[in-house]
């Protein structure tokens, strides 16, 4: 399994990764509140994806 090296990517792709990295925590927090208020299967699934994306950026998996 090969790692994704950010600096080998084109500048537009690096910028997109930076934007997703910065937005992942606020989106995850919003999805957590939404899941606590209106718990549906889709909300729980989306919350899992949001937390997974945030952890991937936090621990430098991406």
C-alpha atoms as a PDB file:
ATOM      1  CA  UNK A   1       0.000   0.000   0.000  1.00  0.00           C
ATOM      2  CA  UNK A   2       1.510   3.297  -1.037  1.00  0.00           C
ATOM      3  CA  UNK A   3       1.088   6.583   0.761  1.00  0.00           C
ATOM      4  CA  UNK A   4      -0.234   9.714  -0.856  1.00  0.00           C
ATOM      5  CA  UNK A   5       2.480  12.374  -0.755  1.00  0.00           C
ATOM      6  CA  UNK A   6       0.863  15.796  -0.776  1.00  0.00           C
ATOM      7  CA  UNK A   7       3.773  17.583  -2.388  1.00  0.00           C
ATOM      8  CA  UNK A   8       3.748  15.313  -5.445  1.00  0.00           C
ATOM      9  CA  UNK A   9       0.186  16.335  -6.219  1.00  0.00           C
ATOM     10  CA  UNK A  10      -0.754  19.285  -8.455  1.00  0.00           C
ATOM     11  CA  UNK A  11      -1.252  22.615  -6.635  1.00  0.00           C
ATOM     12  CA  UNK A  12      -5.039  22.585  -7.125  1.00  0.00           C
ATOM     13  CA  UNK A  13      -5.254  19.134  -5.543  1.00  0.00           C
ATOM     14  CA  UNK A  14      -3.085  20.161  -2.573  1.00  0.00           C
ATOM     15  CA  UNK A  15      -5.313  23.198  -2.064  1.00  0.00           C
ATOM     16  CA  UNK A  16      -8.419  20.988  -2.177  1.00  0.00           C
ATOM     17  CA  UNK A  17      -6.933  18.664   0.461  1.00  0.00           C
ATOM     18  CA  UNK A  18      -6.122  21.668   2.651  1.00  0.00           C
ATOM     19  CA  UNK A  19      -9.699  22.969   2.388  1.00  0.00           C
ATOM     20  CA  UNK A  20     -11.158  19.548   3.226  1.00  0.00           C
ATOM     21  CA  UNK A  21      -8.742  19.225   6.157  1.00  0.00           C
ATOM     22  CA  UNK A  22      -9.773  22.595   7.592  1.00  0.00           C
ATOM     23  CA  UNK A  23     -13.508  21.973   7.085  1.00  0.00           C
ATOM     24  CA  UNK A  24     -13.636  18.399   8.402  1.00  0.00           C
ATOM     25  CA  UNK A  25     -13.919  19.246  12.111  1.00  0.00           C
ATOM     26  CA  UNK A  26     -16.743  21.833  11.845  1.00  0.00           C
ATOM     27  CA  UNK A  27     -18.692  19.525   9.522  1.00  0.00           C
ATOM     28  CA  UNK A  28     -18.215  16.600  11.931  1.00  0.00           C
ATOM     29  CA  UNK A  29     -19.403  18.707  14.893  1.00  0.00           C
ATOM     30  CA  UNK A  30     -22.454  19.883  12.951  1.00  0.00           C
ATOM     31  CA  UNK A  31     -23.236  16.295  11.957  1.00  0.00           C
ATOM     32  CA  UNK A  32     -22.872  15.189  15.605  1.00  0.00           C
ATOM     33  CA  UNK A  33     -25.456  17.741  16.756  1.00  0.00           C
ATOM     34  CA  UNK A  34     -27.760  16.813  13.895  1.00  0.00           C
ATOM     35  CA  UNK A  35     -27.441  13.127  14.790  1.00  0.00           C
ATOM     36  CA  UNK A  36     -28.195  13.810  18.459  1.00  0.00           C
ATOM     37  CA  UNK A  37     -31.337  15.786  17.570  1.00  0.00           C
ATOM     38  CA  UNK A  38     -32.660  13.704  14.630  1.00  0.00           C
ATOM     39  CA  UNK A  39     -31.039  10.251  14.802  1.00  0.00           C
ATOM     40  CA  UNK A  40     -31.561   8.432  11.512  1.00  0.00           C
ATOM     41  CA  UNK A  41     -29.523   5.703   9.877  1.00  0.00           C
ATOM     42  CA  UNK A  42     -28.179   8.059   7.226  1.00  0.00           C
ATOM     43  CA  UNK A  43     -27.104  10.608   9.869  1.00  0.00           C
ATOM     44  CA  UNK A  44     -25.202   7.961  11.809  1.00  0.00           C
ATOM     45  CA  UNK A  45     -23.544   6.759   8.603  1.00  0.00           C
ATOM     46  CA  UNK A  46     -22.558  10.333   7.637  1.00  0.00           C
ATOM     47  CA  UNK A  47     -21.224  10.984  11.138  1.00  0.00           C
ATOM     48  CA  UNK A  48     -19.004   7.915  10.834  1.00  0.00           C
ATOM     49  CA  UNK A  49     -17.675   9.114   7.494  1.00  0.00           C
ATOM     50  CA  UNK A  50     -17.038  12.624   8.864  1.00  0.00           C
ATOM     51  CA  UNK A  51     -15.168  11.266  11.878  1.00  0.00           C
ATOM     52  CA  UNK A  52     -13.171   8.900   9.657  1.00  0.00           C
ATOM     53  CA  UNK A  53     -12.141  11.720   7.311  1.00  0.00           C
ATOM     54  CA  UNK A  54     -11.144  13.928  10.221  1.00  0.00           C
ATOM     55  CA  UNK A  55      -9.082  11.139  11.805  1.00  0.00           C
ATOM     56  CA  UNK A  56      -7.401  10.413   8.468  1.00  0.00           C
ATOM     57  CA  UNK A  57      -6.216  14.012   8.264  1.00  0.00           C
ATOM     58  CA  UNK A  58      -5.391  14.211  11.974  1.00  0.00           C
ATOM     59  CA  UNK A  59      -3.100  11.172  11.910  1.00  0.00           C
ATOM     60  CA  UNK A  60      -1.614  12.048   8.481  1.00  0.00           C
ATOM     61  CA  UNK A  61      -3.076   9.031   6.667  1.00  0.00           C
ATOM     62  CA  UNK A  62      -3.873  11.350   3.749  1.00  0.00           C
END
